[in-house]
Amino acid sequence: MEQILSSINYCHLNNICHRDLKPENILIEEGDSVKVIDFGTAQTFTSDKGMHNILGTPYYMAPEIFAKSGYNEKCDIWSVGVIMYILLTGRPPFYGKTDIDII
């Protein structure tokens, strides 16, 4: 978790929001080095302008993404929290048969 958060912090310091953090986008290399991958939905941001696109994987998306009033890079921290929950419990914190059920 420390390496994941360090990677996300680096991105945020460089004004990049990943927006699709999930276990499938985290690789563990030989020697236990963690790499965050798949920046296909990433966006640069500024502190004075919120993001508005609804992107990501519903299990890992922060509630403010659905509020349609704009969100910031902190949505990545929500996703990391969901990943940690899954690592600790073996299941996602939210369940649904469809994306709407999950949301």
PDB file of N, CA and C in Angstrom:
ATOM      1  N   MET A   1       0.830  -1.189   0.000  1.00  0.00           N
ATOM      2  CA  MET A   1       0.000   0.000   0.000  1.00  0.00           C
ATOM      3  C   MET A   1       0.877   1.256   0.000  1.00  0.00           C
ATOM      4  N   GLU A   2       1.969   1.187   0.727  1.00  0.00           N
ATOM      5  CA  GLU A   2       2.856   2.350   0.784  1.00  0.00           C
ATOM      6  C   GLU A   2       3.389   2.700  -0.605  1.00  0.00           C
ATOM      7  N   GLN A   3       3.781   1.706  -1.369  1.00  0.00           N
ATOM      8  CA  GLN A   3       4.301   1.966  -2.709  1.00  0.00           C
ATOM      9  C   GLN A   3       3.210   2.490  -3.646  1.00  0.00           C
ATOM     10  N   ILE A   4       2.000   1.972  -3.507  1.00  0.00           N
ATOM     11  CA  ILE A   4       0.893   2.461  -4.329  1.00  0.00           C
ATOM     12  C   ILE A   4       0.626   3.927  -4.015  1.00  0.00           C
ATOM     13  N   LEU A   5       0.525   4.241  -2.726  1.00  0.00           N
ATOM     14  CA  LEU A   5       0.271   5.627  -2.327  1.00  0.00           C
ATOM     15  C   LEU A   5       1.407   6.553  -2.742  1.00  0.00           C
ATOM     16  N   SER A   6       2.627   6.059  -2.673  1.00  0.00           N
ATOM     17  CA  SER A   6       3.771   6.864  -3.097  1.00  0.00           C
ATOM     18  C   SER A   6       3.690   7.158  -4.601  1.00  0.00           C
ATOM     19  N   SER A   7       3.298   6.162  -5.379  1.00  0.00           N
ATOM     20  CA  SER A   7       3.148   6.353  -6.829  1.00  0.00           C
ATOM     21  C   SER A   7       2.055   7.362  -7.141  1.00  0.00           C
ATOM     22  N   ILE A   8       0.928   7.247  -6.447  1.00  0.00           N
ATOM     23  CA  ILE A   8      -0.189   8.165  -6.675  1.00  0.00           C
ATOM     24  C   ILE A   8       0.188   9.575  -6.221  1.00  0.00           C
ATOM     25  N   ASN A   9       0.900   9.676  -5.110  1.00  0.00           N
ATOM     26  CA  ASN A   9       1.367  10.985  -4.651  1.00  0.00           C
ATOM     27  C   ASN A   9       2.257  11.633  -5.713  1.00  0.00           C
ATOM     28  N   TYR A  10       3.148  10.863  -6.303  1.00  0.00           N
ATOM     29  CA  TYR A  10       4.009  11.383  -7.366  1.00  0.00           C
ATOM     30  C   TYR A  10       3.172  11.912  -8.534  1.00  0.00           C
ATOM     31  N   CYS A  11       2.169  11.128  -8.924  1.00  0.00           N
ATOM     32  CA  CYS A  11       1.283  11.573 -10.012  1.00  0.00           C
ATOM     33  C   CYS A  11       0.587  12.879  -9.640  1.00  0.00           C
ATOM     34  N   HIS A  12       0.037  12.934  -8.435  1.00  0.00           N
ATOM     35  CA  HIS A  12      -0.696  14.128  -8.006  1.00  0.00           C
ATOM     36  C   HIS A  12       0.215  15.344  -7.920  1.00  0.00           C
ATOM     37  N   LEU A  13       1.450  15.151  -7.468  1.00  0.00           N
ATOM     38  CA  LEU A  13       2.395  16.263  -7.419  1.00  0.00           C
ATOM     39  C   LEU A  13       2.711  16.789  -8.814  1.00  0.00           C
ATOM     40  N   ASN A  14       2.524  15.933  -9.826  1.00  0.00           N
ATOM     41  CA  ASN A  14       2.753  16.324 -11.218  1.00  0.00           C
ATOM     42  C   ASN A  14       1.436  16.589 -11.944  1.00  0.00           C
ATOM     43  N   ASN A  15       0.375  16.846 -11.151  1.00  0.00           N
ATOM     44  CA  ASN A  15      -0.943  17.214 -11.670  1.00  0.00           C
ATOM     45  C   ASN A  15      -1.561  16.166 -12.598  1.00  0.00           C
ATOM     46  N   ILE A  16      -1.377  14.892 -12.247  1.00  0.00           N
ATOM     47  CA  ILE A  16      -1.970  13.797 -13.005  1.00  0.00           C
ATOM     48  C   ILE A  16      -2.878  13.004 -12.076  1.00  0.00           C
ATOM     49  N   CYS A  17      -4.118  12.826 -12.498  1.00  0.00           N
ATOM     50  CA  CYS A  17      -5.084  12.011 -11.766  1.00  0.00           C
ATOM     51  C   CYS A  17      -5.293  10.725 -12.571  1.00  0.00           C
ATOM     52  N   HIS A  18      -5.094   9.566 -11.964  1.00  0.00           N
ATOM     53  CA  HIS A  18      -5.189   8.285 -12.666  1.00  0.00           C
ATOM     54  C   HIS A  18      -6.619   7.958 -13.076  1.00  0.00           C
ATOM     55  N   ARG A  19      -7.563   8.022 -12.169  1.00  0.00           N
ATOM     56  CA  ARG A  19      -9.003   7.846 -12.356  1.00  0.00           C
ATOM     57  C   ARG A  19      -9.463   6.419 -12.655  1.00  0.00           C
ATOM     58  N   ASP A  20      -8.577   5.445 -12.645  1.00  0.00           N
ATOM     59  CA  ASP A  20      -9.028   4.058 -12.812  1.00  0.00           C
ATOM     60  C   ASP A  20      -8.136   3.105 -12.027  1.00  0.00           C
ATOM     61  N   LEU A  21      -7.876   3.455 -10.786  1.00  0.00           N
ATOM     62  CA  LEU A  21      -7.067   2.575  -9.946  1.00  0.00           C
ATOM     63  C   LEU A  21      -7.897   1.372  -9.522  1.00  0.00           C
ATOM     64  N   LYS A  22      -7.327   0.197  -9.710  1.00  0.00           N
ATOM     65  CA  LYS A  22      -7.950  -1.069  -9.329  1.00  0.00           C
ATOM     66  C   LYS A  22      -6.842  -2.112  -9.307  1.00  0.00           C
ATOM     67  N   PRO A  23      -7.069  -3.246  -8.663  1.00  0.00           N
ATOM     68  CA  PRO A  23      -5.996  -4.250  -8.570  1.00  0.00           C
ATOM     69  C   PRO A  23      -5.417  -4.657  -9.930  1.00  0.00           C
ATOM     70  N   GLU A  24      -6.247  -4.686 -10.954  1.00  0.00           N
ATOM     71  CA  GLU A  24      -5.782  -5.067 -12.280  1.00  0.00           C
ATOM     72  C   GLU A  24      -4.785  -4.070 -12.865  1.00  0.00           C
ATOM     73  N   ASN A  25      -4.727  -2.868 -12.312  1.00  0.00           N
ATOM     74  CA  ASN A  25      -3.815  -1.835 -12.793  1.00  0.00           C
ATOM     75  C   ASN A  25      -2.615  -1.645 -11.876  1.00  0.00           C
ATOM     76  N   ILE A  26      -2.346  -2.654 -11.080  1.00  0.00           N
ATOM     77  CA  ILE A  26      -1.176  -2.622 -10.201  1.00  0.00           C
ATOM     78  C   ILE A  26      -0.388  -3.906 -10.423  1.00  0.00           C
ATOM     79  N   LEU A  27       0.871  -3.755 -10.788  1.00  0.00           N
ATOM     80  CA  LEU A  27       1.741  -4.901 -11.019  1.00  0.00           C
ATOM     81  C   LEU A  27       2.750  -5.016  -9.891  1.00  0.00           C
ATOM     82  N   ILE A  28       3.078  -6.230  -9.535  1.00  0.00           N
ATOM     83  CA  ILE A  28       4.130  -6.472  -8.546  1.00  0.00           C
ATOM     84  C   ILE A  28       5.258  -7.185  -9.273  1.00  0.00           C
ATOM     85  N   GLU A  29       6.387  -6.518  -9.361  1.00  0.00           N
ATOM     86  CA  GLU A  29       7.545  -7.069 -10.048  1.00  0.00           C
ATOM     87  C   GLU A  29       8.352  -7.947  -9.103  1.00  0.00           C
ATOM     88  N   GLU A  30       9.284  -8.656  -9.693  1.00  0.00           N
ATOM     89  CA  GLU A  30      10.200  -9.460  -8.900  1.00  0.00           C
ATOM     90  C   GLU A  30      10.914  -8.545  -7.908  1.00  0.00           C
ATOM     91  N   GLY A  31      11.018  -8.952  -6.684  1.00  0.00           N
ATOM     92  CA  GLY A  31      11.603  -8.113  -5.649  1.00  0.00           C
ATOM     93  C   GLY A  31      10.565  -7.244  -4.964  1.00  0.00           C
ATOM     94  N   ASP A  32       9.292  -7.510  -5.234  1.00  0.00           N
ATOM     95  CA  ASP A  32       8.162  -6.825  -4.604  1.00  0.00           C
ATOM     96  C   ASP A  32       8.074  -5.333  -4.916  1.00  0.00           C
ATOM     97  N   SER A  33       8.570  -4.937  -6.067  1.00  0.00           N
ATOM     98  CA  SER A  33       8.430  -3.555  -6.505  1.00  0.00           C
ATOM     99  C   SER A  33       7.062  -3.388  -7.159  1.00  0.00           C
ATOM    100  N   VAL A  34       6.318  -2.364  -6.763  1.00  0.00           N
ATOM    101  CA  VAL A  34       4.962  -2.137  -7.264  1.00  0.00           C
ATOM    102  C   VAL A  34       4.984  -1.091  -8.372  1.00  0.00           C
ATOM    103  N   LYS A  35       4.229  -1.361  -9.430  1.00  0.00           N
ATOM    104  CA  LYS A  35       4.095  -0.427 -10.550  1.00  0.00           C
ATOM    105  C   LYS A  35       2.620  -0.179 -10.807  1.00  0.00           C
ATOM    106  N   VAL A  36       2.245   1.088 -10.928  1.00  0.00           N
ATOM    107  CA  VAL A  36       0.886   1.458 -11.307  1.00  0.00           C
ATOM    108  C   VAL A  36       0.884   1.599 -12.824  1.00  0.00           C
ATOM    109  N   ILE A  37      -0.099   0.973 -13.485  1.00  0.00           N
ATOM    110  CA  ILE A  37      -0.145   0.976 -14.949  1.00  0.00           C
ATOM    111  C   ILE A  37      -1.491   1.489 -15.449  1.00  0.00           C
ATOM    112  N   ASP A  38      -1.644   1.529 -16.746  1.00  0.00           N
ATOM    113  CA  ASP A  38      -2.870   1.868 -17.468  1.00  0.00           C
ATOM    114  C   ASP A  38      -3.354   3.282 -17.154  1.00  0.00           C
ATOM    115  N   PHE A  39      -2.699   4.228 -17.769  1.00  0.00           N
ATOM    116  CA  PHE A  39      -3.064   5.631 -17.599  1.00  0.00           C
ATOM    117  C   PHE A  39      -3.984   6.114 -18.719  1.00  0.00           C
ATOM    118  N   GLY A  40      -4.742   5.191 -19.288  1.00  0.00           N
ATOM    119  CA  GLY A  40      -5.630   5.516 -20.397  1.00  0.00           C
ATOM    120  C   GLY A  40      -6.739   6.488 -20.044  1.00  0.00           C
ATOM    121  N   THR A  41      -7.171   6.518 -18.790  1.00  0.00           N
ATOM    122  CA  THR A  41      -8.216   7.456 -18.365  1.00  0.00           C
ATOM    123  C   THR A  41      -7.651   8.602 -17.528  1.00  0.00           C
ATOM    124  N   ALA A  42      -6.322   8.652 -17.412  1.00  0.00           N
ATOM    125  CA  ALA A  42      -5.684   9.700 -16.613  1.00  0.00           C
ATOM    126  C   ALA A  42      -5.939  11.073 -17.230  1.00  0.00           C
ATOM    127  N   GLN A  43      -5.910  12.081 -16.373  1.00  0.00           N
ATOM    128  CA  GLN A  43      -6.116  13.453 -16.837  1.00  0.00           C
ATOM    129  C   GLN A  43      -5.243  14.382 -16.018  1.00  0.00           C
ATOM    130  N   THR A  44      -4.709  15.390 -16.673  1.00  0.00           N
ATOM    131  CA  THR A  44      -4.016  16.431 -15.925  1.00  0.00           C
ATOM    132  C   THR A  44      -5.074  17.325 -15.285  1.00  0.00           C
ATOM    133  N   PHE A  45      -4.720  17.926 -14.188  1.00  0.00           N
ATOM    134  CA  PHE A  45      -5.680  18.752 -13.463  1.00  0.00           C
ATOM    135  C   PHE A  45      -5.000  19.994 -12.922  1.00  0.00           C
ATOM    136  N   THR A  46      -5.839  20.959 -12.585  1.00  0.00           N
ATOM    137  CA  THR A  46      -5.383  22.148 -11.870  1.00  0.00           C
ATOM    138  C   THR A  46      -6.250  22.271 -10.626  1.00  0.00           C
ATOM    139  N   SER A  47      -5.727  22.915  -9.615  1.00  0.00           N
ATOM    140  CA  SER A  47      -6.448  23.012  -8.344  1.00  0.00           C
ATOM    141  C   SER A  47      -7.712  23.849  -8.442  1.00  0.00           C
ATOM    142  N   ASP A  48      -7.813  24.700  -9.450  1.00  0.00           N
ATOM    143  CA  ASP A  48      -8.977  25.583  -9.559  1.00  0.00           C
ATOM    144  C   ASP A  48     -10.059  25.055 -10.514  1.00  0.00           C
ATOM    145  N   LYS A  49      -9.808  23.920 -11.141  1.00  0.00           N
ATOM    146  CA  LYS A  49     -10.779  23.396 -12.106  1.00  0.00           C
ATOM    147  C   LYS A  49     -11.042  21.915 -11.818  1.00  0.00           C
ATOM    148  N   GLY A  50     -12.278  21.575 -11.500  1.00  0.00           N
ATOM    149  CA  GLY A  50     -12.632  20.190 -11.237  1.00  0.00           C
ATOM    150  C   GLY A  50     -12.793  19.392 -12.518  1.00  0.00           C
ATOM    151  N   MET A  51     -12.707  18.080 -12.374  1.00  0.00           N
ATOM    152  CA  MET A  51     -12.941  17.177 -13.496  1.00  0.00           C
ATOM    153  C   MET A  51     -14.413  16.782 -13.480  1.00  0.00           C
ATOM    154  N   HIS A  52     -14.957  16.477 -14.646  1.00  0.00           N
ATOM    155  CA  HIS A  52     -16.388  16.199 -14.734  1.00  0.00           C
ATOM    156  C   HIS A  52     -16.733  14.895 -15.438  1.00  0.00           C
ATOM    157  N   ASN A  53     -15.791  14.287 -16.134  1.00  0.00           N
ATOM    158  CA  ASN A  53     -16.080  13.050 -16.856  1.00  0.00           C
ATOM    159  C   ASN A  53     -16.304  11.904 -15.875  1.00  0.00           C
ATOM    160  N   ILE A  54     -17.294  11.085 -16.153  1.00  0.00           N
ATOM    161  CA  ILE A  54     -17.531   9.900 -15.334  1.00  0.00           C
ATOM    162  C   ILE A  54     -16.763   8.756 -15.982  1.00  0.00           C
ATOM    163  N   LEU A  55     -15.595   8.459 -15.408  1.00  0.00           N
ATOM    164  CA  LEU A  55     -14.706   7.430 -15.923  1.00  0.00           C
ATOM    165  C   LEU A  55     -14.248   6.532 -14.789  1.00  0.00           C
ATOM    166  N   GLY A  56     -13.901   5.305 -15.138  1.00  0.00           N
ATOM    167  CA  GLY A  56     -13.360   4.395 -14.150  1.00  0.00           C
ATOM    168  C   GLY A  56     -14.168   3.120 -14.076  1.00  0.00           C
ATOM    169  N   THR A  57     -13.885   2.343 -13.053  1.00  0.00           N
ATOM    170  CA  THR A  57     -14.568   1.080 -12.803  1.00  0.00           C
ATOM    171  C   THR A  57     -15.457   1.285 -11.585  1.00  0.00           C
ATOM    172  N   PRO A  58     -16.771   1.047 -11.716  1.00  0.00           N
ATOM    173  CA  PRO A  58     -17.714   1.394 -10.651  1.00  0.00           C
ATOM    174  C   PRO A  58     -17.332   0.925  -9.245  1.00  0.00           C
ATOM    175  N   TYR A  59     -16.778  -0.261  -9.091  1.00  0.00           N
ATOM    176  CA  TYR A  59     -16.403  -0.735  -7.748  1.00  0.00           C
ATOM    177  C   TYR A  59     -15.427   0.212  -7.055  1.00  0.00           C
ATOM    178  N   TYR A  60     -14.634   0.931  -7.836  1.00  0.00           N
ATOM    179  CA  TYR A  60     -13.540   1.724  -7.284  1.00  0.00           C
ATOM    180  C   TYR A  60     -13.744   3.227  -7.397  1.00  0.00           C
ATOM    181  N   MET A  61     -14.863   3.654  -7.945  1.00  0.00           N
ATOM    182  CA  MET A  61     -15.094   5.080  -8.178  1.00  0.00           C
ATOM    183  C   MET A  61     -15.615   5.787  -6.931  1.00  0.00           C
ATOM    184  N   ALA A  62     -15.055   6.946  -6.661  1.00  0.00           N
ATOM    185  CA  ALA A  62     -15.470   7.750  -5.510  1.00  0.00           C
ATOM    186  C   ALA A  62     -16.867   8.322  -5.731  1.00  0.00           C
ATOM    187  N   PRO A  63     -17.644   8.484  -4.672  1.00  0.00           N
ATOM    188  CA  PRO A  63     -19.005   9.014  -4.798  1.00  0.00           C
ATOM    189  C   PRO A  63     -19.077  10.387  -5.468  1.00  0.00           C
ATOM    190  N   GLU A  64     -18.073  11.227  -5.254  1.00  0.00           N
ATOM    191  CA  GLU A  64     -18.134  12.573  -5.829  1.00  0.00           C
ATOM    192  C   GLU A  64     -18.071  12.561  -7.362  1.00  0.00           C
ATOM    193  N   ILE A  65     -17.585  11.470  -7.946  1.00  0.00           N
ATOM    194  CA  ILE A  65     -17.565  11.378  -9.405  1.00  0.00           C
ATOM    195  C   ILE A  65     -18.985  11.386  -9.956  1.00  0.00           C
ATOM    196  N   PHE A  66     -19.899  10.789  -9.228  1.00  0.00           N
ATOM    197  CA  PHE A  66     -21.286  10.711  -9.685  1.00  0.00           C
ATOM    198  C   PHE A  66     -22.104  11.952  -9.338  1.00  0.00           C
ATOM    199  N   ALA A  67     -21.559  12.853  -8.538  1.00  0.00           N
ATOM    200  CA  ALA A  67     -22.297  14.039  -8.095  1.00  0.00           C
ATOM    201  C   ALA A  67     -22.479  15.070  -9.206  1.00  0.00           C
ATOM    202  N   LYS A  68     -21.707  14.970 -10.265  1.00  0.00           N
ATOM    203  CA  LYS A  68     -21.788  15.865 -11.419  1.00  0.00           C
ATOM    204  C   LYS A  68     -21.484  17.334 -11.085  1.00  0.00           C
ATOM    205  N   SER A  69     -20.884  17.561  -9.944  1.00  0.00           N
ATOM    206  CA  SER A  69     -20.513  18.927  -9.592  1.00  0.00           C
ATOM    207  C   SER A  69     -18.999  19.125  -9.685  1.00  0.00           C
ATOM    208  N   GLY A  70     -18.311  18.133 -10.186  1.00  0.00           N
ATOM    209  CA  GLY A  70     -16.866  18.203 -10.313  1.00  0.00           C
ATOM    210  C   GLY A  70     -16.174  17.477  -9.180  1.00  0.00           C
ATOM    211  N   TYR A  71     -15.053  16.895  -9.467  1.00  0.00           N
ATOM    212  CA  TYR A  71     -14.260  16.180  -8.478  1.00  0.00           C
ATOM    213  C   TYR A  71     -12.791  16.489  -8.733  1.00  0.00           C
ATOM    214  N   ASN A  72     -11.950  16.092  -7.790  1.00  0.00           N
ATOM    215  CA  ASN A  72     -10.523  16.374  -7.942  1.00  0.00           C
ATOM    216  C   ASN A  72      -9.714  15.082  -7.841  1.00  0.00           C
ATOM    217  N   GLU A  73      -8.415  15.233  -7.754  1.00  0.00           N
ATOM    218  CA  GLU A  73      -7.504  14.088  -7.735  1.00  0.00           C
ATOM    219  C   GLU A  73      -7.699  13.175  -6.531  1.00  0.00           C
ATOM    220  N   LYS A  74      -8.389  13.648  -5.509  1.00  0.00           N
ATOM    221  CA  LYS A  74      -8.585  12.821  -4.314  1.00  0.00           C
ATOM    222  C   LYS A  74      -9.457  11.599  -4.580  1.00  0.00           C
ATOM    223  N   CYS A  75     -10.108  11.570  -5.747  1.00  0.00           N
ATOM    224  CA  CYS A  75     -10.871  10.373  -6.109  1.00  0.00           C
ATOM    225  C   CYS A  75      -9.946   9.158  -6.188  1.00  0.00           C
ATOM    226  N   ASP A  76      -8.670   9.366  -6.496  1.00  0.00           N
ATOM    227  CA  ASP A  76      -7.709   8.263  -6.527  1.00  0.00           C
ATOM    228  C   ASP A  76      -7.507   7.664  -5.136  1.00  0.00           C
ATOM    229  N   ILE A  77      -7.571   8.483  -4.111  1.00  0.00           N
ATOM    230  CA  ILE A  77      -7.375   7.995  -2.736  1.00  0.00           C
ATOM    231  C   ILE A  77      -8.534   7.085  -2.341  1.00  0.00           C
ATOM    232  N   TRP A  78      -9.761   7.438  -2.745  1.00  0.00           N
ATOM    233  CA  TRP A  78     -10.915   6.555  -2.506  1.00  0.00           C
ATOM    234  C   TRP A  78     -10.631   5.180  -3.119  1.00  0.00           C
ATOM    235  N   SER A  79     -10.163   5.174  -4.359  1.00  0.00           N
ATOM    236  CA  SER A  79      -9.893   3.912  -5.057  1.00  0.00           C
ATOM    237  C   SER A  79      -8.848   3.084  -4.324  1.00  0.00           C
ATOM    238  N   VAL A  80      -7.815   3.732  -3.814  1.00  0.00           N
ATOM    239  CA  VAL A  80      -6.790   3.022  -3.049  1.00  0.00           C
ATOM    240  C   VAL A  80      -7.402   2.431  -1.776  1.00  0.00           C
ATOM    241  N   GLY A  81      -8.321   3.158  -1.155  1.00  0.00           N
ATOM    242  CA  GLY A  81      -9.008   2.632   0.029  1.00  0.00           C
ATOM    243  C   GLY A  81      -9.818   1.388  -0.284  1.00  0.00           C
ATOM    244  N   VAL A  82     -10.482   1.373  -1.421  1.00  0.00           N
ATOM    245  CA  VAL A  82     -11.248   0.192  -1.836  1.00  0.00           C
ATOM    246  C   VAL A  82     -10.299  -0.975  -2.090  1.00  0.00           C
ATOM    247  N   ILE A  83      -9.172  -0.707  -2.725  1.00  0.00           N
ATOM    248  CA  ILE A  83      -8.174  -1.760  -2.957  1.00  0.00           C
ATOM    249  C   ILE A  83      -7.697  -2.339  -1.629  1.00  0.00           C
ATOM    250  N   MET A  84      -7.424  -1.472  -0.649  1.00  0.00           N
ATOM    251  CA  MET A  84      -6.982  -1.936   0.658  1.00  0.00           C
ATOM    252  C   MET A  84      -8.067  -2.793   1.314  1.00  0.00           C
ATOM    253  N   TYR A  85      -9.306  -2.373   1.214  1.00  0.00           N
ATOM    254  CA  TYR A  85     -10.420  -3.134   1.774  1.00  0.00           C
ATOM    255  C   TYR A  85     -10.450  -4.538   1.169  1.00  0.00           C
ATOM    256  N   ILE A  86     -10.292  -4.621  -0.135  1.00  0.00           N
ATOM    257  CA  ILE A  86     -10.304  -5.924  -0.812  1.00  0.00           C
ATOM    258  C   ILE A  86      -9.127  -6.788  -0.351  1.00  0.00           C
ATOM    259  N   LEU A  87      -7.961  -6.179  -0.197  1.00  0.00           N
ATOM    260  CA  LEU A  87      -6.798  -6.934   0.276  1.00  0.00           C
ATOM    261  C   LEU A  87      -7.003  -7.476   1.685  1.00  0.00           C
ATOM    262  N   LEU A  88      -7.690  -6.701   2.518  1.00  0.00           N
ATOM    263  CA  LEU A  88      -7.909  -7.119   3.904  1.00  0.00           C
ATOM    264  C   LEU A  88      -9.057  -8.113   4.089  1.00  0.00           C
ATOM    265  N   THR A  89     -10.092  -8.002   3.259  1.00  0.00           N
ATOM    266  CA  THR A  89     -11.278  -8.833   3.468  1.00  0.00           C
ATOM    267  C   THR A  89     -11.488  -9.897   2.392  1.00  0.00           C
ATOM    268  N   GLY A  90     -10.867  -9.721   1.240  1.00  0.00           N
ATOM    269  CA  GLY A  90     -11.041 -10.675   0.163  1.00  0.00           C
ATOM    270  C   GLY A  90     -12.283 -10.439  -0.682  1.00  0.00           C
ATOM    271  N   ARG A  91     -12.975  -9.343  -0.447  1.00  0.00           N
ATOM    272  CA  ARG A  91     -14.177  -9.027  -1.230  1.00  0.00           C
ATOM    273  C   ARG A  91     -14.331  -7.518  -1.318  1.00  0.00           C
ATOM    274  N   PRO A  92     -15.046  -7.044  -2.339  1.00  0.00           N
ATOM    275  CA  PRO A  92     -15.255  -5.596  -2.458  1.00  0.00           C
ATOM    276  C   PRO A  92     -16.253  -5.099  -1.417  1.00  0.00           C
ATOM    277  N   PRO A  93     -16.161  -3.823  -1.054  1.00  0.00           N
ATOM    278  CA  PRO A  93     -17.075  -3.278  -0.044  1.00  0.00           C
ATOM    279  C   PRO A  93     -18.498  -3.091  -0.562  1.00  0.00           C
ATOM    280  N   PHE A  94     -18.661  -3.069  -1.886  1.00  0.00           N
ATOM    281  CA  PHE A  94     -19.971  -2.880  -2.495  1.00  0.00           C
ATOM    282  C   PHE A  94     -20.186  -4.014  -3.480  1.00  0.00           C
ATOM    283  N   TYR A  95     -21.408  -4.481  -3.591  1.00  0.00           N
ATOM    284  CA  TYR A  95     -21.692  -5.554  -4.527  1.00  0.00           C
ATOM    285  C   TYR A  95     -22.969  -5.258  -5.286  1.00  0.00           C
ATOM    286  N   GLY A  96     -22.980  -5.620  -6.524  1.00  0.00           N
ATOM    287  CA  GLY A  96     -24.170  -5.497  -7.344  1.00  0.00           C
ATOM    288  C   GLY A  96     -24.005  -6.310  -8.603  1.00  0.00           C
ATOM    289  N   LYS A  97     -25.103  -6.706  -9.189  1.00  0.00           N
ATOM    290  CA  LYS A  97     -25.052  -7.499 -10.419  1.00  0.00           C
ATOM    291  C   LYS A  97     -24.812  -6.615 -11.641  1.00  0.00           C
ATOM    292  N   THR A  98     -25.143  -5.333 -11.515  1.00  0.00           N
ATOM    293  CA  THR A  98     -24.941  -4.391 -12.614  1.00  0.00           C
ATOM    294  C   THR A  98     -24.196  -3.166 -12.089  1.00  0.00           C
ATOM    295  N   ASP A  99     -23.702  -2.355 -13.015  1.00  0.00           N
ATOM    296  CA  ASP A  99     -23.014  -1.119 -12.613  1.00  0.00           C
ATOM    297  C   ASP A  99     -23.951  -0.214 -11.816  1.00  0.00           C
ATOM    298  N   ILE A 100     -25.200  -0.145 -12.206  1.00  0.00           N
ATOM    299  CA  ILE A 100     -26.177   0.692 -11.486  1.00  0.00           C
ATOM    300  C   ILE A 100     -26.345   0.200 -10.053  1.00  0.00           C
ATOM    301  N   ASP A 101     -26.393  -1.121  -9.841  1.00  0.00           N
ATOM    302  CA  ASP A 101     -26.506  -1.678  -8.488  1.00  0.00           C
ATOM    303  C   ASP A 101     -25.295  -1.272  -7.639  1.00  0.00           C
ATOM    304  N   ILE A 102     -24.124  -1.324  -8.235  1.00  0.00           N
ATOM    305  CA  ILE A 102     -22.892  -0.978  -7.513  1.00  0.00           C
ATOM    306  C   ILE A 102     -22.887   0.506  -7.149  1.00  0.00           C
ATOM    307  N   ILE A 103     -23.283   1.336  -8.105  1.00  0.00           N
ATOM    308  CA  ILE A 103     -23.296   2.778  -7.874  1.00  0.00           C
ATOM    309  C   ILE A 103     -24.300   3.125  -6.801  1.00  0.00           C
TER     310      ILE A 103
END
